[in-house]
Amino acid sequence: KVFLASSRSYKDYVSLNSLIDSLPKELILRVPMPKFVWVAELSNRDLIKNNLINGLLIVDATETKHHGLIAGFIGNYYFSENLNEIVQINVPLQPFKNYSN
């Protein structure tokens, strides 16, 4: 699922989502985000039946010159502010509830 969200709304969802482990939650909440972001939620057939996802991609929706991104997949978290350097952090990422607003 791909959708446009305000960063405030998305971070509020992350902070209240009890299924997101503390480390991935902290990493997402600490990243400076623009006012609007594109979010792609990744899942599989079995998880989506239970409204769960196991990966995400967040991209800046407001600036064409600055292409910051956040990506989290099972066991890995990637972050870049300018796509010149992508940092990989190994963190546990268990399936968690998808965004609905």
PDB file of N, CA and C in Angstrom:
ATOM      1  N   LYS A   1       0.854  -1.168   0.000  1.00  0.00           N
ATOM      2  CA  LYS A   1       0.000   0.000   0.000  1.00  0.00           C
ATOM      3  C   LYS A   1       0.900   1.231   0.000  1.00  0.00           C
ATOM      4  N   VAL A   2       0.596   2.196  -0.845  1.00  0.00           N
ATOM      5  CA  VAL A   2       1.332   3.456  -0.916  1.00  0.00           C
ATOM      6  C   VAL A   2       0.351   4.582  -0.643  1.00  0.00           C
ATOM      7  N   PHE A   3       0.762   5.528   0.203  1.00  0.00           N
ATOM      8  CA  PHE A   3      -0.132   6.632   0.547  1.00  0.00           C
ATOM      9  C   PHE A   3       0.671   7.857   0.949  1.00  0.00           C
ATOM     10  N   LEU A   4       0.005   9.005   0.901  1.00  0.00           N
ATOM     11  CA  LEU A   4       0.573  10.274   1.329  1.00  0.00           C
ATOM     12  C   LEU A   4       0.064  10.565   2.726  1.00  0.00           C
ATOM     13  N   ALA A   5       0.959  10.977   3.625  1.00  0.00           N
ATOM     14  CA  ALA A   5       0.552  11.284   4.998  1.00  0.00           C
ATOM     15  C   ALA A   5       1.327  12.493   5.496  1.00  0.00           C
ATOM     16  N   SER A   6       0.753  13.198   6.439  1.00  0.00           N
ATOM     17  CA  SER A   6       1.533  14.238   7.100  1.00  0.00           C
ATOM     18  C   SER A   6       2.497  13.536   8.048  1.00  0.00           C
ATOM     19  N   SER A   7       3.677  14.087   8.197  1.00  0.00           N
ATOM     20  CA  SER A   7       4.654  13.449   9.080  1.00  0.00           C
ATOM     21  C   SER A   7       4.147  13.434  10.518  1.00  0.00           C
ATOM     22  N   ARG A   8       3.400  14.446  10.911  1.00  0.00           N
ATOM     23  CA  ARG A   8       2.834  14.487  12.267  1.00  0.00           C
ATOM     24  C   ARG A   8       1.877  13.321  12.480  1.00  0.00           C
ATOM     25  N   SER A   9       1.001  13.090  11.535  1.00  0.00           N
ATOM     26  CA  SER A   9       0.052  11.988  11.634  1.00  0.00           C
ATOM     27  C   SER A   9       0.767  10.645  11.630  1.00  0.00           C
ATOM     28  N   TYR A  10       1.773  10.504  10.754  1.00  0.00           N
ATOM     29  CA  TYR A  10       2.479   9.227  10.664  1.00  0.00           C
ATOM     30  C   TYR A  10       3.278   8.952  11.942  1.00  0.00           C
ATOM     31  N   LYS A  11       3.951   9.958  12.458  1.00  0.00           N
ATOM     32  CA  LYS A  11       4.715   9.761  13.690  1.00  0.00           C
ATOM     33  C   LYS A  11       3.798   9.482  14.876  1.00  0.00           C
ATOM     34  N   ASP A  12       2.617  10.081  14.877  1.00  0.00           N
ATOM     35  CA  ASP A  12       1.649   9.787  15.931  1.00  0.00           C
ATOM     36  C   ASP A  12       1.238   8.316  15.869  1.00  0.00           C
ATOM     37  N   TYR A  13       0.976   7.820  14.662  1.00  0.00           N
ATOM     38  CA  TYR A  13       0.640   6.404  14.476  1.00  0.00           C
ATOM     39  C   TYR A  13       1.779   5.514  14.975  1.00  0.00           C
ATOM     40  N   VAL A  14       3.019   5.858  14.629  1.00  0.00           N
ATOM     41  CA  VAL A  14       4.170   5.059  15.060  1.00  0.00           C
ATOM     42  C   VAL A  14       4.282   5.059  16.579  1.00  0.00           C
ATOM     43  N   SER A  15       4.124   6.222  17.192  1.00  0.00           N
ATOM     44  CA  SER A  15       4.278   6.307  18.648  1.00  0.00           C
ATOM     45  C   SER A  15       3.214   5.515  19.393  1.00  0.00           C
ATOM     46  N   LEU A  16       2.019   5.386  18.812  1.00  0.00           N
ATOM     47  CA  LEU A  16       0.925   4.673  19.474  1.00  0.00           C
ATOM     48  C   LEU A  16       0.836   3.199  19.083  1.00  0.00           C
ATOM     49  N   ASN A  17       1.630   2.763  18.104  1.00  0.00           N
ATOM     50  CA  ASN A  17       1.573   1.386  17.620  1.00  0.00           C
ATOM     51  C   ASN A  17       2.357   0.485  18.577  1.00  0.00           C
ATOM     52  N   SER A  18       1.654  -0.272  19.381  1.00  0.00           N
ATOM     53  CA  SER A  18       2.294  -1.108  20.402  1.00  0.00           C
ATOM     54  C   SER A  18       3.028  -2.309  19.817  1.00  0.00           C
ATOM     55  N   LEU A  19       2.805  -2.637  18.552  1.00  0.00           N
ATOM     56  CA  LEU A  19       3.467  -3.787  17.943  1.00  0.00           C
ATOM     57  C   LEU A  19       4.841  -3.454  17.356  1.00  0.00           C
ATOM     58  N   ILE A  20       5.181  -2.165  17.262  1.00  0.00           N
ATOM     59  CA  ILE A  20       6.504  -1.788  16.766  1.00  0.00           C
ATOM     60  C   ILE A  20       7.471  -1.831  17.944  1.00  0.00           C
ATOM     61  N   ASP A  21       8.552  -2.588  17.792  1.00  0.00           N
ATOM     62  CA  ASP A  21       9.556  -2.676  18.849  1.00  0.00           C
ATOM     63  C   ASP A  21      10.148  -1.305  19.147  1.00  0.00           C
ATOM     64  N   SER A  22      10.715  -1.145  20.330  1.00  0.00           N
ATOM     65  CA  SER A  22      11.182   0.165  20.780  1.00  0.00           C
ATOM     66  C   SER A  22      12.307   0.752  19.920  1.00  0.00           C
ATOM     67  N   LEU A  23      13.254  -0.060  19.465  1.00  0.00           N
ATOM     68  CA  LEU A  23      14.354   0.487  18.666  1.00  0.00           C
ATOM     69  C   LEU A  23      13.891   0.991  17.295  1.00  0.00           C
ATOM     70  N   PRO A  24      13.147   0.200  16.506  1.00  0.00           N
ATOM     71  CA  PRO A  24      12.649   0.764  15.235  1.00  0.00           C
ATOM     72  C   PRO A  24      11.748   1.976  15.459  1.00  0.00           C
ATOM     73  N   LYS A  25      10.944   1.940  16.512  1.00  0.00           N
ATOM     74  CA  LYS A  25      10.060   3.069  16.808  1.00  0.00           C
ATOM     75  C   LYS A  25      10.882   4.324  17.080  1.00  0.00           C
ATOM     76  N   GLU A  26      11.917   4.197  17.898  1.00  0.00           N
ATOM     77  CA  GLU A  26      12.765   5.346  18.218  1.00  0.00           C
ATOM     78  C   GLU A  26      13.468   5.883  16.975  1.00  0.00           C
ATOM     79  N   LEU A  27      13.965   4.990  16.127  1.00  0.00           N
ATOM     80  CA  LEU A  27      14.649   5.427  14.909  1.00  0.00           C
ATOM     81  C   LEU A  27      13.717   6.212  13.989  1.00  0.00           C
ATOM     82  N   ILE A  28      12.492   5.747  13.825  1.00  0.00           N
ATOM     83  CA  ILE A  28      11.524   6.450  12.968  1.00  0.00           C
ATOM     84  C   ILE A  28      11.145   7.796  13.575  1.00  0.00           C
ATOM     85  N   LEU A  29      10.907   7.829  14.878  1.00  0.00           N
ATOM     86  CA  LEU A  29      10.465   9.062  15.525  1.00  0.00           C
ATOM     87  C   LEU A  29      11.557  10.123  15.575  1.00  0.00           C
ATOM     88  N   ARG A  30      12.817   9.719  15.608  1.00  0.00           N
ATOM     89  CA  ARG A  30      13.929  10.672  15.703  1.00  0.00           C
ATOM     90  C   ARG A  30      14.314  11.290  14.368  1.00  0.00           C
ATOM     91  N   VAL A  31      13.910  10.674  13.262  1.00  0.00           N
ATOM     92  CA  VAL A  31      14.289  11.185  11.944  1.00  0.00           C
ATOM     93  C   VAL A  31      13.501  12.457  11.632  1.00  0.00           C
ATOM     94  N   PRO A  32      14.205  13.550  11.289  1.00  0.00           N
ATOM     95  CA  PRO A  32      13.482  14.747  10.873  1.00  0.00           C
ATOM     96  C   PRO A  32      12.759  14.473   9.554  1.00  0.00           C
ATOM     97  N   MET A  33      11.492  14.826   9.509  1.00  0.00           N
ATOM     98  CA  MET A  33      10.690  14.593   8.301  1.00  0.00           C
ATOM     99  C   MET A  33      10.064  15.899   7.848  1.00  0.00           C
ATOM    100  N   PRO A  34       9.807  16.013   6.537  1.00  0.00           N
ATOM    101  CA  PRO A  34       9.099  17.179   6.024  1.00  0.00           C
ATOM    102  C   PRO A  34       7.631  17.107   6.427  1.00  0.00           C
ATOM    103  N   LYS A  35       6.875  18.111   6.045  1.00  0.00           N
ATOM    104  CA  LYS A  35       5.462  18.145   6.422  1.00  0.00           C
ATOM    105  C   LYS A  35       4.676  16.959   5.864  1.00  0.00           C
ATOM    106  N   PHE A  36       4.983  16.530   4.635  1.00  0.00           N
ATOM    107  CA  PHE A  36       4.295  15.390   4.028  1.00  0.00           C
ATOM    108  C   PHE A  36       5.305  14.356   3.551  1.00  0.00           C
ATOM    109  N   VAL A  37       4.931  13.096   3.685  1.00  0.00           N
ATOM    110  CA  VAL A  37       5.787  11.991   3.246  1.00  0.00           C
ATOM    111  C   VAL A  37       4.949  10.971   2.483  1.00  0.00           C
ATOM    112  N   TRP A  38       5.600  10.325   1.498  1.00  0.00           N
ATOM    113  CA  TRP A  38       5.019   9.165   0.842  1.00  0.00           C
ATOM    114  C   TRP A  38       5.442   7.958   1.658  1.00  0.00           C
ATOM    115  N   VAL A  39       4.512   7.088   1.954  1.00  0.00           N
ATOM    116  CA  VAL A  39       4.806   5.878   2.716  1.00  0.00           C
ATOM    117  C   VAL A  39       4.357   4.673   1.896  1.00  0.00           C
ATOM    118  N   ALA A  40       5.242   3.702   1.772  1.00  0.00           N
ATOM    119  CA  ALA A  40       4.897   2.420   1.145  1.00  0.00           C
ATOM    120  C   ALA A  40       5.026   1.357   2.225  1.00  0.00           C
ATOM    121  N   GLU A  41       3.935   0.650   2.482  1.00  0.00           N
ATOM    122  CA  GLU A  41       3.942  -0.433   3.456  1.00  0.00           C
ATOM    123  C   GLU A  41       4.087  -1.754   2.714  1.00  0.00           C
ATOM    124  N   LEU A  42       4.985  -2.600   3.197  1.00  0.00           N
ATOM    125  CA  LEU A  42       5.261  -3.883   2.570  1.00  0.00           C
ATOM    126  C   LEU A  42       4.689  -4.996   3.434  1.00  0.00           C
ATOM    127  N   SER A  43       4.134  -5.985   2.787  1.00  0.00           N
ATOM    128  CA  SER A  43       3.526  -7.079   3.520  1.00  0.00           C
ATOM    129  C   SER A  43       3.518  -8.321   2.645  1.00  0.00           C
ATOM    130  N   ASN A  44       2.910  -9.365   3.152  1.00  0.00           N
ATOM    131  CA  ASN A  44       2.688 -10.555   2.338  1.00  0.00           C
ATOM    132  C   ASN A  44       1.229 -10.980   2.513  1.00  0.00           C
ATOM    133  N   ARG A  45       0.816 -11.959   1.795  1.00  0.00           N
ATOM    134  CA  ARG A  45      -0.591 -12.367   1.775  1.00  0.00           C
ATOM    135  C   ARG A  45      -1.119 -12.734   3.168  1.00  0.00           C
ATOM    136  N   ASP A  46      -0.333 -13.485   3.933  1.00  0.00           N
ATOM    137  CA  ASP A  46      -0.788 -13.916   5.256  1.00  0.00           C
ATOM    138  C   ASP A  46      -0.875 -12.760   6.244  1.00  0.00           C
ATOM    139  N   LEU A  47       0.123 -11.868   6.221  1.00  0.00           N
ATOM    140  CA  LEU A  47       0.122 -10.743   7.156  1.00  0.00           C
ATOM    141  C   LEU A  47      -0.986  -9.745   6.845  1.00  0.00           C
ATOM    142  N   ILE A  48      -1.189  -9.447   5.566  1.00  0.00           N
ATOM    143  CA  ILE A  48      -2.160  -8.419   5.198  1.00  0.00           C
ATOM    144  C   ILE A  48      -3.578  -8.803   5.614  1.00  0.00           C
ATOM    145  N   LYS A  49      -3.871 -10.101   5.693  1.00  0.00           N
ATOM    146  CA  LYS A  49      -5.188 -10.556   6.158  1.00  0.00           C
ATOM    147  C   LYS A  49      -5.448 -10.112   7.591  1.00  0.00           C
ATOM    148  N   ASN A  50      -4.371  -9.919   8.355  1.00  0.00           N
ATOM    149  CA  ASN A  50      -4.484  -9.483   9.748  1.00  0.00           C
ATOM    150  C   ASN A  50      -4.103  -8.015   9.927  1.00  0.00           C
ATOM    151  N   ASN A  51      -4.085  -7.249   8.823  1.00  0.00           N
ATOM    152  CA  ASN A  51      -3.727  -5.831   8.846  1.00  0.00           C
ATOM    153  C   ASN A  51      -2.330  -5.593   9.417  1.00  0.00           C
ATOM    154  N   LEU A  52      -1.400  -6.484   9.073  1.00  0.00           N
ATOM    155  CA  LEU A  52      -0.021  -6.362   9.537  1.00  0.00           C
ATOM    156  C   LEU A  52       0.909  -6.146   8.353  1.00  0.00           C
ATOM    157  N   ILE A  53       2.005  -5.432   8.614  1.00  0.00           N
ATOM    158  CA  ILE A  53       3.039  -5.225   7.606  1.00  0.00           C
ATOM    159  C   ILE A  53       4.380  -5.644   8.198  1.00  0.00           C
ATOM    160  N   ASN A  54       5.362  -5.883   7.343  1.00  0.00           N
ATOM    161  CA  ASN A  54       6.682  -6.241   7.846  1.00  0.00           C
ATOM    162  C   ASN A  54       7.791  -5.419   7.186  1.00  0.00           C
ATOM    163  N   GLY A  55       7.424  -4.303   6.597  1.00  0.00           N
ATOM    164  CA  GLY A  55       8.404  -3.407   6.019  1.00  0.00           C
ATOM    165  C   GLY A  55       7.761  -2.101   5.604  1.00  0.00           C
ATOM    166  N   LEU A  56       8.588  -1.074   5.442  1.00  0.00           N
ATOM    167  CA  LEU A  56       8.065   0.223   5.018  1.00  0.00           C
ATOM    168  C   LEU A  56       9.148   1.019   4.330  1.00  0.00           C
ATOM    169  N   LEU A  57       8.703   1.983   3.548  1.00  0.00           N
ATOM    170  CA  LEU A  57       9.578   2.914   2.862  1.00  0.00           C
ATOM    171  C   LEU A  57       8.940   4.284   3.002  1.00  0.00           C
ATOM    172  N   ILE A  58       9.703   5.252   3.475  1.00  0.00           N
ATOM    173  CA  ILE A  58       9.193   6.613   3.671  1.00  0.00           C
ATOM    174  C   ILE A  58      10.052   7.560   2.838  1.00  0.00           C
ATOM    175  N   VAL A  59       9.402   8.362   1.997  1.00  0.00           N
ATOM    176  CA  VAL A  59      10.108   9.274   1.094  1.00  0.00           C
ATOM    177  C   VAL A  59       9.535  10.677   1.240  1.00  0.00           C
ATOM    178  N   ASP A  60      10.397  11.668   1.182  1.00  0.00           N
ATOM    179  CA  ASP A  60      10.010  13.073   1.244  1.00  0.00           C
ATOM    180  C   ASP A  60       9.061  13.403   0.093  1.00  0.00           C
ATOM    181  N   ALA A  61       7.895  13.935   0.404  1.00  0.00           N
ATOM    182  CA  ALA A  61       6.903  14.257  -0.626  1.00  0.00           C
ATOM    183  C   ALA A  61       6.875  15.736  -0.975  1.00  0.00           C
ATOM    184  N   THR A  62       7.715  16.545  -0.343  1.00  0.00           N
ATOM    185  CA  THR A  62       7.601  17.984  -0.524  1.00  0.00           C
ATOM    186  C   THR A  62       8.756  18.625  -1.265  1.00  0.00           C
ATOM    187  N   GLU A  63       9.871  17.958  -1.388  1.00  0.00           N
ATOM    188  CA  GLU A  63      11.061  18.572  -1.954  1.00  0.00           C
ATOM    189  C   GLU A  63      11.649  17.681  -3.041  1.00  0.00           C
ATOM    190  N   THR A  64      11.812  18.233  -4.226  1.00  0.00           N
ATOM    191  CA  THR A  64      12.366  17.437  -5.318  1.00  0.00           C
ATOM    192  C   THR A  64      13.890  17.417  -5.311  1.00  0.00           C
ATOM    193  N   LYS A  65      14.527  18.394  -4.690  1.00  0.00           N
ATOM    194  CA  LYS A  65      15.986  18.443  -4.663  1.00  0.00           C
ATOM    195  C   LYS A  65      16.563  17.605  -3.527  1.00  0.00           C
ATOM    196  N   HIS A  66      15.822  17.448  -2.456  1.00  0.00           N
ATOM    197  CA  HIS A  66      16.278  16.696  -1.289  1.00  0.00           C
ATOM    198  C   HIS A  66      15.527  15.375  -1.263  1.00  0.00           C
ATOM    199  N   HIS A  67      16.221  14.273  -1.457  1.00  0.00           N
ATOM    200  CA  HIS A  67      15.567  12.975  -1.585  1.00  0.00           C
ATOM    201  C   HIS A  67      15.847  12.089  -0.382  1.00  0.00           C
ATOM    202  N   GLY A  68      15.572  12.566   0.808  1.00  0.00           N
ATOM    203  CA  GLY A  68      15.791  11.751   1.988  1.00  0.00           C
ATOM    204  C   GLY A  68      14.846  10.571   2.022  1.00  0.00           C
ATOM    205  N   LEU A  69      15.263   9.520   2.679  1.00  0.00           N
ATOM    206  CA  LEU A  69      14.398   8.361   2.763  1.00  0.00           C
ATOM    207  C   LEU A  69      14.663   7.575   4.025  1.00  0.00           C
ATOM    208  N   ILE A  70      13.686   6.779   4.364  1.00  0.00           N
ATOM    209  CA  ILE A  70      13.798   5.815   5.451  1.00  0.00           C
ATOM    210  C   ILE A  70      13.239   4.519   4.894  1.00  0.00           C
ATOM    211  N   ALA A  71      13.893   3.440   5.147  1.00  0.00           N
ATOM    212  CA  ALA A  71      13.372   2.142   4.731  1.00  0.00           C
ATOM    213  C   ALA A  71      13.620   1.146   5.842  1.00  0.00           C
ATOM    214  N   GLY A  72      12.623   0.366   6.142  1.00  0.00           N
ATOM    215  CA  GLY A  72      12.780  -0.679   7.132  1.00  0.00           C
ATOM    216  C   GLY A  72      12.246  -1.974   6.580  1.00  0.00           C
ATOM    217  N   PHE A  73      13.039  -2.986   6.641  1.00  0.00           N
ATOM    218  CA  PHE A  73      12.632  -4.305   6.174  1.00  0.00           C
ATOM    219  C   PHE A  73      12.959  -5.293   7.281  1.00  0.00           C
ATOM    220  N   ILE A  74      12.513  -6.495   7.153  1.00  0.00           N
ATOM    221  CA  ILE A  74      12.716  -7.489   8.191  1.00  0.00           C
ATOM    222  C   ILE A  74      14.197  -7.546   8.573  1.00  0.00           C
ATOM    223  N   GLY A  75      14.514  -7.119   9.779  1.00  0.00           N
ATOM    224  CA  GLY A  75      15.876  -7.203  10.298  1.00  0.00           C
ATOM    225  C   GLY A  75      16.804  -6.067   9.914  1.00  0.00           C
ATOM    226  N   ASN A  76      16.405  -5.172   9.019  1.00  0.00           N
ATOM    227  CA  ASN A  76      17.278  -4.082   8.598  1.00  0.00           C
ATOM    228  C   ASN A  76      16.534  -2.760   8.567  1.00  0.00           C
ATOM    229  N   TYR A  77      17.261  -1.693   8.818  1.00  0.00           N
ATOM    230  CA  TYR A  77      16.722  -0.341   8.774  1.00  0.00           C
ATOM    231  C   TYR A  77      17.732   0.479   7.995  1.00  0.00           C
ATOM    232  N   TYR A  78      17.289   1.236   7.025  1.00  0.00           N
ATOM    233  CA  TYR A  78      18.170   2.057   6.205  1.00  0.00           C
ATOM    234  C   TYR A  78      17.739   3.509   6.336  1.00  0.00           C
ATOM    235  N   PHE A  79      18.712   4.425   6.348  1.00  0.00           N
ATOM    236  CA  PHE A  79      18.398   5.833   6.476  1.00  0.00           C
ATOM    237  C   PHE A  79      19.363   6.643   5.619  1.00  0.00           C
ATOM    238  N   SER A  80      18.846   7.643   4.954  1.00  0.00           N
ATOM    239  CA  SER A  80      19.682   8.564   4.188  1.00  0.00           C
ATOM    240  C   SER A  80      19.009   9.921   4.167  1.00  0.00           C
ATOM    241  N   GLU A  81      19.802  10.965   4.348  1.00  0.00           N
ATOM    242  CA  GLU A  81      19.250  12.317   4.235  1.00  0.00           C
ATOM    243  C   GLU A  81      19.412  12.861   2.832  1.00  0.00           C
ATOM    244  N   ASN A  82      20.344  12.317   2.053  1.00  0.00           N
ATOM    245  CA  ASN A  82      20.599  12.910   0.739  1.00  0.00           C
ATOM    246  C   ASN A  82      20.922  11.887  -0.347  1.00  0.00           C
ATOM    247  N   LEU A  83      20.766  10.613  -0.076  1.00  0.00           N
ATOM    248  CA  LEU A  83      21.040   9.514  -1.002  1.00  0.00           C
ATOM    249  C   LEU A  83      22.504   9.400  -1.396  1.00  0.00           C
ATOM    250  N   ASN A  84      23.369  10.283  -0.907  1.00  0.00           N
ATOM    251  CA  ASN A  84      24.793  10.125  -1.154  1.00  0.00           C
ATOM    252  C   ASN A  84      25.377   9.075  -0.228  1.00  0.00           C
ATOM    253  N   GLU A  85      24.730   8.871   0.909  1.00  0.00           N
ATOM    254  CA  GLU A  85      25.196   7.883   1.864  1.00  0.00           C
ATOM    255  C   GLU A  85      23.981   7.213   2.493  1.00  0.00           C
ATOM    256  N   ILE A  86      23.912   5.925   2.366  1.00  0.00           N
ATOM    257  CA  ILE A  86      22.820   5.175   2.974  1.00  0.00           C
ATOM    258  C   ILE A  86      23.404   4.380   4.130  1.00  0.00           C
ATOM    259  N   VAL A  87      22.846   4.568   5.303  1.00  0.00           N
ATOM    260  CA  VAL A  87      23.314   3.908   6.504  1.00  0.00           C
ATOM    261  C   VAL A  87      22.411   2.717   6.774  1.00  0.00           C
ATOM    262  N   GLN A  88      23.013   1.570   7.028  1.00  0.00           N
ATOM    263  CA  GLN A  88      22.246   0.375   7.361  1.00  0.00           C
ATOM    264  C   GLN A  88      22.466   0.043   8.821  1.00  0.00           C
ATOM    265  N   ILE A  89      21.373  -0.171   9.534  1.00  0.00           N
ATOM    266  CA  ILE A  89      21.413  -0.561  10.928  1.00  0.00           C
ATOM    267  C   ILE A  89      20.618  -1.855  11.038  1.00  0.00           C
ATOM    268  N   ASN A  90      21.201  -2.869  11.639  1.00  0.00           N
ATOM    269  CA  ASN A  90      20.488  -4.124  11.841  1.00  0.00           C
ATOM    270  C   ASN A  90      19.663  -4.026  13.112  1.00  0.00           C
ATOM    271  N   VAL A  91      18.363  -4.043  12.962  1.00  0.00           N
ATOM    272  CA  VAL A  91      17.444  -3.992  14.094  1.00  0.00           C
ATOM    273  C   VAL A  91      16.340  -5.016  13.868  1.00  0.00           C
ATOM    274  N   PRO A  92      15.788  -5.535  14.942  1.00  0.00           N
ATOM    275  CA  PRO A  92      14.662  -6.454  14.770  1.00  0.00           C
ATOM    276  C   PRO A  92      13.430  -5.685  14.299  1.00  0.00           C
ATOM    277  N   LEU A  93      12.776  -6.169  13.270  1.00  0.00           N
ATOM    278  CA  LEU A  93      11.552  -5.542  12.785  1.00  0.00           C
ATOM    279  C   LEU A  93      10.509  -6.632  12.641  1.00  0.00           C
ATOM    280  N   GLN A  94       9.710  -6.762  13.670  1.00  0.00           N
ATOM    281  CA  GLN A  94       8.639  -7.751  13.685  1.00  0.00           C
ATOM    282  C   GLN A  94       7.429  -7.176  12.949  1.00  0.00           C
ATOM    283  N   PRO A  95       6.528  -8.017  12.455  1.00  0.00           N
ATOM    284  CA  PRO A  95       5.307  -7.494  11.831  1.00  0.00           C
ATOM    285  C   PRO A  95       4.553  -6.578  12.796  1.00  0.00           C
ATOM    286  N   PHE A  96       3.999  -5.501  12.237  1.00  0.00           N
ATOM    287  CA  PHE A  96       3.247  -4.559  13.063  1.00  0.00           C
ATOM    288  C   PHE A  96       2.034  -4.048  12.308  1.00  0.00           C
ATOM    289  N   LYS A  97       1.106  -3.430  13.032  1.00  0.00           N
ATOM    290  CA  LYS A  97      -0.168  -2.981  12.481  1.00  0.00           C
ATOM    291  C   LYS A  97       0.044  -1.937  11.406  1.00  0.00           C
ATOM    292  N   ASN A  98      -0.701  -2.056  10.314  1.00  0.00           N
ATOM    293  CA  ASN A  98      -0.574  -1.083   9.235  1.00  0.00           C
ATOM    294  C   ASN A  98      -1.223   0.239   9.613  1.00  0.00           C
ATOM    295  N   TYR A  99      -0.873   1.278   8.860  1.00  0.00           N
ATOM    296  CA  TYR A  99      -1.391   2.629   9.097  1.00  0.00           C
ATOM    297  C   TYR A  99      -2.822   2.736   8.594  1.00  0.00           C
ATOM    298  N   SER A 100      -3.668   3.316   9.404  1.00  0.00           N
ATOM    299  CA  SER A 100      -5.029   3.628   8.937  1.00  0.00           C
ATOM    300  C   SER A 100      -5.434   4.939   9.571  1.00  0.00           C
ATOM    301  N   ASN A 101      -5.833   5.880   8.720  1.00  0.00           N
ATOM    302  CA  ASN A 101      -6.248   7.189   9.216  1.00  0.00           C
ATOM    303  C   ASN A 101      -7.215   7.783   8.214  1.00  0.00           C
TER     304      ASN A 101
END
